[in-house]
Amino acid sequence: MNRGIGDFIRGVAIGCLLATPAFAGSGVVTLQVDNDGMVSSDDDHYTSGVELHWTRAVSPQHWSQRITHGLPGVWLGSVDAISYHLSYRMYTPVEVERRDLIEDDRPYAGLILGGLALYGREPLSGAWHREEAFQLDLGVVGPATSADSVQREVHRFTNSQRPRGWSHQLGNEPILNLGYRRHWWQSHSLGDLEMQHGPGVSASLGNLLAQAGGGYGLRFGRGLDASMGWPSLSIERGGYRQVATSPGSGWNLFAALQGRYVAHNLLLDGNTVRDSHSVDRREWVGDAVVGVALTWERWEVSLAHVWRSKEFEEQVNSTVHGALSLSYRL
């Protein structure tokens, strides 16, 4: 095992040990694994990722309530839940066995992000309610993530094609990004079943991603208030997490569509303050997700298929990947 992988594993182990006393409280812990191999035989674009969430409800006296006082009045009037997250992601071009710089395909990049999200939920008139989230992401992109070593070891273990082009990856750069989401849901009772649907808007600003968009979501099944959420859509956080308002068992099918105007994407535009590989980014991007979630006792498992339209001019095919999430209520 090389030094980069060893350092990463030791860091994760130490982080888990330090987090154990905090997790001993309440809330929901979620592990999400993304991989294009779940729905495709290709190993390109958004190759894989792993994400850990801890979401818990908060009281009116919690320190996070003070943050909302500094936000504009139309944003997040109060905090109902807070979520801490840590994610590790890898991005590659299609032909990973090539050693030369592939100028017309996306740059190699490893990305580590950590941060928190504040959630608010407010009942509205009739059968409507509103959900909001304000998010902070800190992290790093570049060789510091050891993504090249991790992918080589994984491919060696799985006897997959050997990635040879990581010498052309994006350089090290710290990440600071802010995000905001708002979704309006209307609830319906369909006999023993339930349905929620409605529009949403989102925006992100930072050196990783600057964008704004909107979309529509749908959830259908039984025990929707017991659900712990659905997977996020890569770095854009198109999904959501929640602490169930009425814990229990249930199931649901979910689907969402989203369109976004992207003004900046470091993973495609290249490093901000140094020369690096880049491609011609498309300004308009669309996402779609469809999946199923099953909740029982303290557990929930969900599986989603995520589709994304072409993100840069030279891209041959759209991007697809699968997302598997496992949640446990503490």
C-alpha atoms as a PDB file:
ATOM      1  CA  MET A   1       0.000   0.000   0.000  1.00  0.00           C
ATOM      2  CA  ASN A   2       1.509   3.362  -1.019  1.00  0.00           C
ATOM      3  CA  ARG A   3       1.895   6.329   1.269  1.00  0.00           C
ATOM      4  CA  GLY A   4      -1.018   8.355  -0.216  1.00  0.00           C
ATOM      5  CA  ILE A   5      -3.563   5.599   0.344  1.00  0.00           C
ATOM      6  CA  GLY A   6      -2.173   4.825   3.783  1.00  0.00           C
ATOM      7  CA  ASP A   7      -2.481   8.471   4.835  1.00  0.00           C
ATOM      8  CA  PHE A   8      -6.052   8.611   3.528  1.00  0.00           C
ATOM      9  CA  ILE A   9      -7.119   5.445   5.356  1.00  0.00           C
ATOM     10  CA  ARG A  10      -5.497   6.605   8.582  1.00  0.00           C
ATOM     11  CA  GLY A  11      -7.226   9.981   8.232  1.00  0.00           C
ATOM     12  CA  VAL A  12     -10.633   8.345   7.763  1.00  0.00           C
ATOM     13  CA  ALA A  13     -10.036   6.028  10.749  1.00  0.00           C
ATOM     14  CA  ILE A  14      -9.025   8.928  13.014  1.00  0.00           C
ATOM     15  CA  GLY A  15     -12.006  10.957  11.830  1.00  0.00           C
ATOM     16  CA  CYS A  16     -14.399   8.103  12.619  1.00  0.00           C
ATOM     17  CA  LEU A  17     -12.937   7.721  16.108  1.00  0.00           C
ATOM     18  CA  LEU A  18     -13.249  11.436  16.783  1.00  0.00           C
ATOM     19  CA  ALA A  19     -16.805  11.478  15.431  1.00  0.00           C
ATOM     20  CA  THR A  20     -18.018   8.547  17.530  1.00  0.00           C
ATOM     21  CA  PRO A  21     -18.886  10.602  20.655  1.00  0.00           C
ATOM     22  CA  ALA A  22     -20.861  13.043  18.507  1.00  0.00           C
ATOM     23  CA  PHE A  23     -22.762  10.285  16.701  1.00  0.00           C
ATOM     24  CA  ALA A  24     -23.735   8.836  20.077  1.00  0.00           C
ATOM     25  CA  GLY A  25     -26.424  11.526  20.343  1.00  0.00           C
ATOM     26  CA  SER A  26     -29.339  11.481  17.935  1.00  0.00           C
ATOM     27  CA  GLY A  27     -30.086  11.907  14.278  1.00  0.00           C
ATOM     28  CA  VAL A  28     -29.463   9.943  11.096  1.00  0.00           C
ATOM     29  CA  VAL A  29     -26.139   8.689   9.693  1.00  0.00           C
ATOM     30  CA  THR A  30     -26.060   8.096   5.928  1.00  0.00           C
ATOM     31  CA  LEU A  31     -23.420   6.504   3.734  1.00  0.00           C
ATOM     32  CA  GLN A  32     -23.810   7.118   0.008  1.00  0.00           C
ATOM     33  CA  VAL A  33     -21.755   5.405  -2.694  1.00  0.00           C
ATOM     34  CA  ASP A  34     -21.817   6.606  -6.317  1.00  0.00           C
ATOM     35  CA  ASN A  35     -20.346   4.732  -9.253  1.00  0.00           C
ATOM     36  CA  ASP A  36     -20.890   4.767 -12.994  1.00  0.00           C
ATOM     37  CA  GLY A  37     -20.295   1.013 -12.984  1.00  0.00           C
ATOM     38  CA  MET A  38     -23.710   0.497 -11.358  1.00  0.00           C
ATOM     39  CA  VAL A  39     -25.508   1.538 -14.559  1.00  0.00           C
ATOM     40  CA  SER A  40     -22.804   1.546 -17.252  1.00  0.00           C
ATOM     41  CA  SER A  41     -19.739  -0.428 -18.334  1.00  0.00           C
ATOM     42  CA  ASP A  42     -17.788   2.807 -18.942  1.00  0.00           C
ATOM     43  CA  ASP A  43     -15.366   4.375 -16.465  1.00  0.00           C
ATOM     44  CA  ASP A  44     -15.458   8.061 -17.357  1.00  0.00           C
ATOM     45  CA  HIS A  45     -16.536  11.573 -16.366  1.00  0.00           C
ATOM     46  CA  TYR A  46     -17.931  11.290 -12.796  1.00  0.00           C
ATOM     47  CA  THR A  47     -16.256   7.962 -12.058  1.00  0.00           C
ATOM     48  CA  SER A  48     -17.053   7.326  -8.398  1.00  0.00           C
ATOM     49  CA  GLY A  49     -17.642   8.928  -5.031  1.00  0.00           C
ATOM     50  CA  VAL A  50     -18.395   8.193  -1.401  1.00  0.00           C
ATOM     51  CA  GLU A  51     -20.195  10.530   0.987  1.00  0.00           C
ATOM     52  CA  LEU A  52     -20.925  10.401   4.718  1.00  0.00           C
ATOM     53  CA  HIS A  53     -23.720  12.472   6.314  1.00  0.00           C
ATOM     54  CA  TRP A  54     -24.794  12.996   9.886  1.00  0.00           C
ATOM     55  CA  THR A  55     -28.137  14.810  10.127  1.00  0.00           C
ATOM     56  CA  ARG A  56     -29.846  15.723  13.393  1.00  0.00           C
ATOM     57  CA  ALA A  57     -32.739  17.879  14.550  1.00  0.00           C
ATOM     58  CA  VAL A  58     -31.846  21.013  16.537  1.00  0.00           C
ATOM     59  CA  SER A  59     -33.592  23.057  19.215  1.00  0.00           C
ATOM     60  CA  PRO A  60     -34.530  26.779  19.000  1.00  0.00           C
ATOM     61  CA  GLN A  61     -31.516  27.457  21.272  1.00  0.00           C
ATOM     62  CA  HIS A  62     -28.968  25.675  19.055  1.00  0.00           C
ATOM     63  CA  TRP A  63     -25.970  27.762  17.916  1.00  0.00           C
ATOM     64  CA  SER A  64     -26.975  27.327  14.256  1.00  0.00           C
ATOM     65  CA  GLN A  65     -30.020  29.553  14.812  1.00  0.00           C
ATOM     66  CA  ARG A  66     -27.672  32.547  15.121  1.00  0.00           C
ATOM     67  CA  ILE A  67     -26.457  31.997  11.552  1.00  0.00           C
ATOM     68  CA  THR A  68     -29.930  32.584  10.165  1.00  0.00           C
ATOM     69  CA  HIS A  69     -30.032  35.999  11.818  1.00  0.00           C
ATOM     70  CA  GLY A  70     -27.254  37.135   9.471  1.00  0.00           C
ATOM     71  CA  LEU A  71     -29.051  35.907   6.338  1.00  0.00           C
ATOM     72  CA  PRO A  72     -31.568  37.961   4.335  1.00  0.00           C
ATOM     73  CA  GLY A  73     -35.104  37.695   5.698  1.00  0.00           C
ATOM     74  CA  VAL A  74     -36.337  35.660   2.732  1.00  0.00           C
ATOM     75  CA  TRP A  75     -33.776  32.908   3.452  1.00  0.00           C
ATOM     76  CA  LEU A  76     -34.084  30.233   6.090  1.00  0.00           C
ATOM     77  CA  GLY A  77     -36.022  31.884   8.909  1.00  0.00           C
ATOM     78  CA  SER A  78     -35.137  29.124  11.400  1.00  0.00           C
ATOM     79  CA  VAL A  79     -33.131  25.890  11.507  1.00  0.00           C
ATOM     80  CA  ASP A  80     -34.916  22.584  12.111  1.00  0.00           C
ATOM     81  CA  ALA A  81     -31.981  20.279  11.364  1.00  0.00           C
ATOM     82  CA  ILE A  82     -28.259  20.412  10.687  1.00  0.00           C
ATOM     83  CA  SER A  83     -26.181  18.050   8.592  1.00  0.00           C
ATOM     84  CA  TYR A  84     -22.402  17.475   8.571  1.00  0.00           C
ATOM     85  CA  HIS A  85     -20.934  15.840   5.489  1.00  0.00           C
ATOM     86  CA  LEU A  86     -17.659  14.529   4.083  1.00  0.00           C
ATOM     87  CA  SER A  87     -17.245  13.362   0.485  1.00  0.00           C
ATOM     88  CA  TYR A  88     -14.516  11.961  -1.754  1.00  0.00           C
ATOM     89  CA  ARG A  89     -14.933  12.032  -5.557  1.00  0.00           C
ATOM     90  CA  MET A  90     -12.986  11.204  -8.728  1.00  0.00           C
ATOM     91  CA  TYR A  91     -13.390  12.474 -12.298  1.00  0.00           C
ATOM     92  CA  THR A  92     -11.641  11.113 -15.400  1.00  0.00           C
ATOM     93  CA  PRO A  93     -11.807  11.240 -19.216  1.00  0.00           C
ATOM     94  CA  VAL A  94     -13.095   8.272 -21.197  1.00  0.00           C
ATOM     95  CA  GLU A  95      -9.780   6.766 -22.335  1.00  0.00           C
ATOM     96  CA  VAL A  96      -8.048   6.369 -18.985  1.00  0.00           C
ATOM     97  CA  GLU A  97      -5.361   4.079 -20.433  1.00  0.00           C
ATOM     98  CA  ARG A  98      -3.828   6.901 -22.503  1.00  0.00           C
ATOM     99  CA  ARG A  99      -0.713   8.586 -21.069  1.00  0.00           C
ATOM    100  CA  ASP A 100      -0.917  11.746 -23.197  1.00  0.00           C
ATOM    101  CA  LEU A 101      -3.030  14.810 -22.470  1.00  0.00           C
ATOM    102  CA  ILE A 102      -6.515  14.265 -23.940  1.00  0.00           C
ATOM    103  CA  GLU A 103      -7.316  17.870 -24.837  1.00  0.00           C
ATOM    104  CA  ASP A 104     -10.905  17.299 -25.965  1.00  0.00           C
ATOM    105  CA  ASP A 105     -12.016  15.370 -22.828  1.00  0.00           C
ATOM    106  CA  ARG A 106     -12.512  16.464 -19.234  1.00  0.00           C
ATOM    107  CA  PRO A 107      -9.531  16.851 -16.873  1.00  0.00           C
ATOM    108  CA  TYR A 108      -8.561  14.243 -14.315  1.00  0.00           C
ATOM    109  CA  ALA A 109      -9.532  15.493 -10.849  1.00  0.00           C
ATOM    110  CA  GLY A 110      -9.789  14.258  -7.292  1.00  0.00           C
ATOM    111  CA  LEU A 111     -12.044  16.187  -4.915  1.00  0.00           C
ATOM    112  CA  ILE A 112     -12.481  16.121  -1.129  1.00  0.00           C
ATOM    113  CA  LEU A 113     -15.286  18.201   0.410  1.00  0.00           C
ATOM    114  CA  GLY A 114     -16.461  18.646   3.967  1.00  0.00           C
ATOM    115  CA  GLY A 115     -18.954  21.028   5.458  1.00  0.00           C
ATOM    116  CA  LEU A 116     -22.395  21.521   6.892  1.00  0.00           C
ATOM    117  CA  ALA A 117     -25.938  22.245   5.769  1.00  0.00           C
ATOM    118  CA  LEU A 118     -28.737  23.962   7.681  1.00  0.00           C
ATOM    119  CA  TYR A 119     -32.295  22.819   6.944  1.00  0.00           C
ATOM    120  CA  GLY A 120     -35.600  24.546   7.560  1.00  0.00           C
ATOM    121  CA  ARG A 121     -39.158  23.287   7.071  1.00  0.00           C
ATOM    122  CA  GLU A 122     -42.233  25.523   7.207  1.00  0.00           C
ATOM    123  CA  PRO A 123     -45.925  24.624   6.719  1.00  0.00           C
ATOM    124  CA  LEU A 124     -47.782  26.797   4.237  1.00  0.00           C
ATOM    125  CA  SER A 125     -51.449  27.195   3.410  1.00  0.00           C
ATOM    126  CA  GLY A 126     -53.430  24.148   2.377  1.00  0.00           C
ATOM    127  CA  ALA A 127     -51.446  20.979   1.759  1.00  0.00           C
ATOM    128  CA  TRP A 128     -48.215  22.813   0.954  1.00  0.00           C
ATOM    129  CA  HIS A 129     -44.970  23.039   2.911  1.00  0.00           C
ATOM    130  CA  ARG A 130     -41.569  24.533   2.136  1.00  0.00           C
ATOM    131  CA  GLU A 131     -38.116  23.039   2.672  1.00  0.00           C
ATOM    132  CA  GLU A 132     -34.897  25.081   2.560  1.00  0.00           C
ATOM    133  CA  ALA A 133     -31.193  24.349   2.884  1.00  0.00           C
ATOM    134  CA  PHE A 134     -28.159  26.605   3.241  1.00  0.00           C
ATOM    135  CA  GLN A 135     -24.843  24.817   2.714  1.00  0.00           C
ATOM    136  CA  LEU A 136     -21.132  25.493   3.232  1.00  0.00           C
ATOM    137  CA  ASP A 137     -18.455  23.341   1.545  1.00  0.00           C
ATOM    138  CA  LEU A 138     -14.719  23.433   2.251  1.00  0.00           C
ATOM    139  CA  GLY A 139     -12.180  21.158   0.638  1.00  0.00           C
ATOM    140  CA  VAL A 140      -9.401  20.656  -1.874  1.00  0.00           C
ATOM    141  CA  VAL A 141      -8.980  19.512  -5.469  1.00  0.00           C
ATOM    142  CA  GLY A 142      -5.774  18.106  -6.904  1.00  0.00           C
ATOM    143  CA  PRO A 143      -2.958  15.665  -6.079  1.00  0.00           C
ATOM    144  CA  ALA A 144      -3.468  16.257  -2.340  1.00  0.00           C
ATOM    145  CA  THR A 145      -6.525  13.979  -2.579  1.00  0.00           C
ATOM    146  CA  SER A 146      -4.385  10.979  -3.731  1.00  0.00           C
ATOM    147  CA  ALA A 147      -7.158  10.137  -6.208  1.00  0.00           C
ATOM    148  CA  ASP A 148      -4.605   8.811  -8.710  1.00  0.00           C
ATOM    149  CA  SER A 149      -3.284   6.270  -6.198  1.00  0.00           C
ATOM    150  CA  VAL A 150      -6.754   5.288  -5.027  1.00  0.00           C
ATOM    151  CA  GLN A 151      -8.036   4.648  -8.557  1.00  0.00           C
ATOM    152  CA  ARG A 152      -4.942   2.657  -9.543  1.00  0.00           C
ATOM    153  CA  GLU A 153      -5.273   0.416  -6.477  1.00  0.00           C
ATOM    154  CA  VAL A 154      -8.998  -0.104  -7.034  1.00  0.00           C
ATOM    155  CA  HIS A 155      -8.463  -0.986 -10.689  1.00  0.00           C
ATOM    156  CA  ARG A 156      -5.648  -3.349  -9.751  1.00  0.00           C
ATOM    157  CA  PHE A 157      -7.931  -5.086  -7.248  1.00  0.00           C
ATOM    158  CA  THR A 158     -10.813  -5.353  -9.752  1.00  0.00           C
ATOM    159  CA  ASN A 159      -8.508  -6.227 -12.675  1.00  0.00           C
ATOM    160  CA  SER A 160      -9.820  -3.225 -14.637  1.00  0.00           C
ATOM    161  CA  GLN A 161      -8.022  -1.099 -17.224  1.00  0.00           C
ATOM    162  CA  ARG A 162      -5.060   0.727 -15.733  1.00  0.00           C
ATOM    163  CA  PRO A 163      -5.427   4.536 -15.509  1.00  0.00           C
ATOM    164  CA  ARG A 164      -2.273   6.173 -16.902  1.00  0.00           C
ATOM    165  CA  GLY A 165      -3.094   9.858 -17.390  1.00  0.00           C
ATOM    166  CA  TRP A 166      -3.230  11.219 -13.845  1.00  0.00           C
ATOM    167  CA  SER A 167      -0.064  13.277 -14.454  1.00  0.00           C
ATOM    168  CA  HIS A 168      -2.401  15.707 -16.272  1.00  0.00           C
ATOM    169  CA  GLN A 169      -4.811  16.152 -13.351  1.00  0.00           C
ATOM    170  CA  LEU A 170      -5.855  19.547 -11.986  1.00  0.00           C
ATOM    171  CA  GLY A 171      -3.386  21.126  -9.562  1.00  0.00           C
ATOM    172  CA  ASN A 172      -3.951  21.587  -5.850  1.00  0.00           C
ATOM    173  CA  GLU A 173      -6.483  24.282  -4.998  1.00  0.00           C
ATOM    174  CA  PRO A 174      -8.486  24.931  -1.813  1.00  0.00           C
ATOM    175  CA  ILE A 175     -12.270  25.004  -2.186  1.00  0.00           C
ATOM    176  CA  LEU A 176     -14.827  27.365  -0.672  1.00  0.00           C
ATOM    177  CA  ASN A 177     -18.417  27.124  -1.898  1.00  0.00           C
ATOM    178  CA  LEU A 178     -21.850  28.228  -0.667  1.00  0.00           C
ATOM    179  CA  GLY A 179     -25.178  26.780  -1.762  1.00  0.00           C
ATOM    180  CA  TYR A 180     -28.878  27.453  -1.235  1.00  0.00           C
ATOM    181  CA  ARG A 181     -31.937  25.346  -2.104  1.00  0.00           C
ATOM    182  CA  ARG A 182     -35.667  25.888  -1.679  1.00  0.00           C
ATOM    183  CA  HIS A 183     -38.400  23.375  -2.538  1.00  0.00           C
ATOM    184  CA  TRP A 184     -42.186  23.664  -2.299  1.00  0.00           C
ATOM    185  CA  TRP A 185     -44.058  20.391  -1.736  1.00  0.00           C
ATOM    186  CA  GLN A 186     -47.784  19.702  -2.044  1.00  0.00           C
ATOM    187  CA  SER A 187     -49.053  16.567  -0.273  1.00  0.00           C
ATOM    188  CA  HIS A 188     -51.899  14.330  -1.438  1.00  0.00           C
ATOM    189  CA  SER A 189     -53.541  11.276   0.111  1.00  0.00           C
ATOM    190  CA  LEU A 190     -54.342   8.476  -2.344  1.00  0.00           C
ATOM    191  CA  GLY A 191     -56.098   5.937  -0.160  1.00  0.00           C
ATOM    192  CA  ASP A 192     -53.359   4.039   1.666  1.00  0.00           C
ATOM    193  CA  LEU A 193     -50.711   5.791  -0.412  1.00  0.00           C
ATOM    194  CA  GLU A 194     -49.253   9.294  -0.363  1.00  0.00           C
ATOM    195  CA  MET A 195     -47.812  11.631  -2.967  1.00  0.00           C
ATOM    196  CA  GLN A 196     -45.724  14.797  -2.693  1.00  0.00           C
ATOM    197  CA  HIS A 197     -44.672  16.942  -5.637  1.00  0.00           C
ATOM    198  CA  GLY A 198     -43.596  20.487  -6.362  1.00  0.00           C
ATOM    199  CA  PRO A 199     -41.033  22.899  -7.822  1.00  0.00           C
ATOM    200  CA  GLY A 200     -37.648  23.899  -6.447  1.00  0.00           C
ATOM    201  CA  VAL A 201     -34.837  26.394  -7.058  1.00  0.00           C
ATOM    202  CA  SER A 202     -31.137  26.287  -6.190  1.00  0.00           C
ATOM    203  CA  ALA A 203     -27.949  28.343  -6.493  1.00  0.00           C
ATOM    204  CA  SER A 204     -24.255  27.868  -5.730  1.00  0.00           C
ATOM    205  CA  LEU A 205     -21.406  30.367  -5.513  1.00  0.00           C
ATOM    206  CA  GLY A 206     -17.694  29.734  -5.025  1.00  0.00           C
ATOM    207  CA  ASN A 207     -14.487  28.781  -6.781  1.00  0.00           C
ATOM    208  CA  LEU A 208     -15.725  25.207  -7.278  1.00  0.00           C
ATOM    209  CA  LEU A 209     -19.145  25.931  -8.737  1.00  0.00           C
ATOM    210  CA  ALA A 210     -21.206  29.002  -9.633  1.00  0.00           C
ATOM    211  CA  GLN A 211     -24.677  28.201 -10.962  1.00  0.00           C
ATOM    212  CA  ALA A 212     -28.425  28.733 -10.613  1.00  0.00           C
ATOM    213  CA  GLY A 213     -31.291  26.477 -11.587  1.00  0.00           C
ATOM    214  CA  GLY A 214     -34.742  25.112 -10.998  1.00  0.00           C
ATOM    215  CA  GLY A 215     -36.636  21.862 -11.259  1.00  0.00           C
ATOM    216  CA  TYR A 216     -39.506  19.658 -10.163  1.00  0.00           C
ATOM    217  CA  GLY A 217     -39.636  16.684  -7.790  1.00  0.00           C
ATOM    218  CA  LEU A 218     -42.077  13.847  -7.104  1.00  0.00           C
ATOM    219  CA  ARG A 219     -42.326  11.276  -4.301  1.00  0.00           C
ATOM    220  CA  PHE A 220     -44.943   8.510  -4.214  1.00  0.00           C
ATOM    221  CA  GLY A 221     -45.412   5.694  -1.723  1.00  0.00           C
ATOM    222  CA  ARG A 222     -46.217   4.995   1.920  1.00  0.00           C
ATOM    223  CA  GLY A 223     -44.764   6.602   5.042  1.00  0.00           C
ATOM    224  CA  LEU A 224     -43.166   9.598   3.318  1.00  0.00           C
ATOM    225  CA  ASP A 225     -42.631  11.383   6.639  1.00  0.00           C
ATOM    226  CA  ALA A 226     -40.572   8.384   7.780  1.00  0.00           C
ATOM    227  CA  SER A 227     -38.226   8.735   4.813  1.00  0.00           C
ATOM    228  CA  MET A 228     -34.672  10.003   5.404  1.00  0.00           C
ATOM    229  CA  GLY A 229     -34.256  11.569   1.966  1.00  0.00           C
ATOM    230  CA  TRP A 230     -32.831  10.722  -1.421  1.00  0.00           C
ATOM    231  CA  PRO A 231     -29.283  10.754  -2.852  1.00  0.00           C
ATOM    232  CA  SER A 232     -27.588  14.008  -3.813  1.00  0.00           C
ATOM    233  CA  LEU A 233     -26.634  14.650  -7.434  1.00  0.00           C
ATOM    234  CA  SER A 234     -22.860  14.816  -7.239  1.00  0.00           C
ATOM    235  CA  ILE A 235     -21.514  18.217  -6.077  1.00  0.00           C
ATOM    236  CA  GLU A 236     -24.772  20.022  -6.904  1.00  0.00           C
ATOM    237  CA  ARG A 237     -26.670  18.451  -3.977  1.00  0.00           C
ATOM    238  CA  GLY A 238     -29.841  17.952  -5.964  1.00  0.00           C
ATOM    239  CA  GLY A 239     -31.202  15.515  -3.372  1.00  0.00           C
ATOM    240  CA  TYR A 240     -32.044  16.189   0.255  1.00  0.00           C
ATOM    241  CA  ARG A 241     -31.688  14.773   3.749  1.00  0.00           C
ATOM    242  CA  GLN A 242     -34.109  14.997   6.651  1.00  0.00           C
ATOM    243  CA  VAL A 243     -34.741  13.722  10.156  1.00  0.00           C
ATOM    244  CA  ALA A 244     -38.002  11.801   9.860  1.00  0.00           C
ATOM    245  CA  THR A 245     -40.946  13.631  11.432  1.00  0.00           C
ATOM    246  CA  SER A 246     -42.756  10.372  12.195  1.00  0.00           C
ATOM    247  CA  PRO A 247     -40.301   7.431  12.378  1.00  0.00           C
ATOM    248  CA  GLY A 248     -41.669   4.163  11.055  1.00  0.00           C
ATOM    249  CA  SER A 249     -41.657   1.909   8.030  1.00  0.00           C
ATOM    250  CA  GLY A 250     -42.541   2.644   4.427  1.00  0.00           C
ATOM    251  CA  TRP A 251     -41.380   2.841   0.851  1.00  0.00           C
ATOM    252  CA  ASN A 252     -41.381   5.407  -1.903  1.00  0.00           C
ATOM    253  CA  LEU A 253     -40.499   5.999  -5.515  1.00  0.00           C
ATOM    254  CA  PHE A 254     -38.895   9.345  -6.285  1.00  0.00           C
ATOM    255  CA  ALA A 255     -38.015  11.310  -9.412  1.00  0.00           C
ATOM    256  CA  ALA A 256     -36.703  14.788 -10.142  1.00  0.00           C
ATOM    257  CA  LEU A 257     -35.770  16.969 -13.110  1.00  0.00           C
ATOM    258  CA  GLN A 258     -33.488  19.992 -12.909  1.00  0.00           C
ATOM    259  CA  GLY A 259     -32.129  22.546 -15.363  1.00  0.00           C
ATOM    260  CA  ARG A 260     -29.139  24.749 -14.462  1.00  0.00           C
ATOM    261  CA  TYR A 261     -27.209  27.699 -15.850  1.00  0.00           C
ATOM    262  CA  VAL A 262     -23.545  27.089 -15.016  1.00  0.00           C
ATOM    263  CA  ALA A 263     -21.314  30.190 -14.936  1.00  0.00           C
ATOM    264  CA  HIS A 264     -18.257  28.353 -13.558  1.00  0.00           C
ATOM    265  CA  ASN A 265     -17.198  24.768 -12.883  1.00  0.00           C
ATOM    266  CA  LEU A 266     -13.606  24.358 -11.720  1.00  0.00           C
ATOM    267  CA  LEU A 267     -13.656  20.671 -12.685  1.00  0.00           C
ATOM    268  CA  LEU A 268     -14.139  21.704 -16.329  1.00  0.00           C
ATOM    269  CA  ASP A 269     -12.729  25.257 -16.462  1.00  0.00           C
ATOM    270  CA  GLY A 270      -9.471  24.244 -14.795  1.00  0.00           C
ATOM    271  CA  ASN A 271      -7.609  25.749 -11.853  1.00  0.00           C
ATOM    272  CA  THR A 272      -8.399  29.326 -10.885  1.00  0.00           C
ATOM    273  CA  VAL A 273      -4.905  30.776 -10.336  1.00  0.00           C
ATOM    274  CA  ARG A 274      -2.653  28.405 -12.305  1.00  0.00           C
ATOM    275  CA  ASP A 275      -2.465  26.889 -15.770  1.00  0.00           C
ATOM    276  CA  SER A 276      -4.157  23.517 -16.125  1.00  0.00           C
ATOM    277  CA  HIS A 277      -6.126  21.390 -18.540  1.00  0.00           C
ATOM    278  CA  SER A 278      -9.633  22.682 -19.337  1.00  0.00           C
ATOM    279  CA  VAL A 279     -12.469  22.115 -21.798  1.00  0.00           C
ATOM    280  CA  ASP A 280     -15.207  24.284 -23.333  1.00  0.00           C
ATOM    281  CA  ARG A 281     -17.912  24.157 -20.669  1.00  0.00           C
ATOM    282  CA  ARG A 282     -21.581  24.226 -21.675  1.00  0.00           C
ATOM    283  CA  GLU A 283     -23.604  26.872 -19.870  1.00  0.00           C
ATOM    284  CA  TRP A 284     -26.891  24.948 -19.765  1.00  0.00           C
ATOM    285  CA  VAL A 285     -26.994  21.513 -18.111  1.00  0.00           C
ATOM    286  CA  GLY A 286     -29.891  19.200 -17.250  1.00  0.00           C
ATOM    287  CA  ASP A 287     -30.172  16.486 -14.591  1.00  0.00           C
ATOM    288  CA  ALA A 288     -32.661  13.698 -13.985  1.00  0.00           C
ATOM    289  CA  VAL A 289     -32.895  11.210 -11.140  1.00  0.00           C
ATOM    290  CA  VAL A 290     -35.247   8.289 -10.559  1.00  0.00           C
ATOM    291  CA  GLY A 291     -35.074   5.800  -7.722  1.00  0.00           C
ATOM    292  CA  VAL A 292     -36.656   3.817  -4.931  1.00  0.00           C
ATOM    293  CA  ALA A 293     -36.268   3.935  -1.137  1.00  0.00           C
ATOM    294  CA  LEU A 294     -37.264   1.371   1.503  1.00  0.00           C
ATOM    295  CA  THR A 295     -37.577   2.298   5.202  1.00  0.00           C
ATOM    296  CA  TRP A 296     -37.916  -0.179   8.063  1.00  0.00           C
ATOM    297  CA  GLU A 297     -37.381   0.342  11.796  1.00  0.00           C
ATOM    298  CA  ARG A 298     -34.120   2.345  12.090  1.00  0.00           C
ATOM    299  CA  TRP A 299     -32.879   1.649   8.564  1.00  0.00           C
ATOM    300  CA  GLU A 300     -33.371   3.024   5.082  1.00  0.00           C
ATOM    301  CA  VAL A 301     -31.809   1.947   1.793  1.00  0.00           C
ATOM    302  CA  SER A 302     -32.263   3.800  -1.485  1.00  0.00           C
ATOM    303  CA  LEU A 303     -31.046   3.197  -5.014  1.00  0.00           C
ATOM    304  CA  ALA A 304     -31.094   5.875  -7.698  1.00  0.00           C
ATOM    305  CA  HIS A 305     -30.219   6.221 -11.372  1.00  0.00           C
ATOM    306  CA  VAL A 306     -28.781   9.659 -12.185  1.00  0.00           C
ATOM    307  CA  TRP A 307     -28.549  11.069 -15.722  1.00  0.00           C
ATOM    308  CA  ARG A 308     -26.767  14.294 -16.691  1.00  0.00           C
ATOM    309  CA  SER A 309     -26.719  16.027 -20.075  1.00  0.00           C
ATOM    310  CA  LYS A 310     -23.434  16.898 -21.780  1.00  0.00           C
ATOM    311  CA  GLU A 311     -21.392  19.345 -19.691  1.00  0.00           C
ATOM    312  CA  PHE A 312     -18.805  20.444 -22.275  1.00  0.00           C
ATOM    313  CA  GLU A 313     -18.731  20.888 -26.053  1.00  0.00           C
ATOM    314  CA  GLU A 314     -16.429  17.982 -26.890  1.00  0.00           C
ATOM    315  CA  GLN A 315     -18.338  15.467 -24.740  1.00  0.00           C
ATOM    316  CA  VAL A 316     -19.590  12.561 -26.838  1.00  0.00           C
ATOM    317  CA  ASN A 317     -22.228  11.059 -24.518  1.00  0.00           C
ATOM    318  CA  SER A 318     -24.260  12.188 -21.540  1.00  0.00           C
ATOM    319  CA  THR A 319     -23.173  10.999 -18.088  1.00  0.00           C
ATOM    320  CA  VAL A 320     -24.957   8.346 -16.023  1.00  0.00           C
ATOM    321  CA  HIS A 321     -24.163   6.841 -12.643  1.00  0.00           C
ATOM    322  CA  GLY A 322     -25.864   4.926  -9.862  1.00  0.00           C
ATOM    323  CA  ALA A 323     -26.207   6.083  -6.244  1.00  0.00           C
ATOM    324  CA  LEU A 324     -26.690   3.663  -3.353  1.00  0.00           C
ATOM    325  CA  SER A 325     -27.493   5.090   0.103  1.00  0.00           C
ATOM    326  CA  LEU A 326     -27.765   3.383   3.473  1.00  0.00           C
ATOM    327  CA  SER A 327     -29.160   5.363   6.428  1.00  0.00           C
ATOM    328  CA  TYR A 328     -29.432   4.492  10.115  1.00  0.00           C
ATOM    329  CA  ARG A 329     -31.473   6.388  12.720  1.00  0.00           C
ATOM    330  CA  LEU A 330     -29.491   6.671  15.969  1.00  0.00           C
END
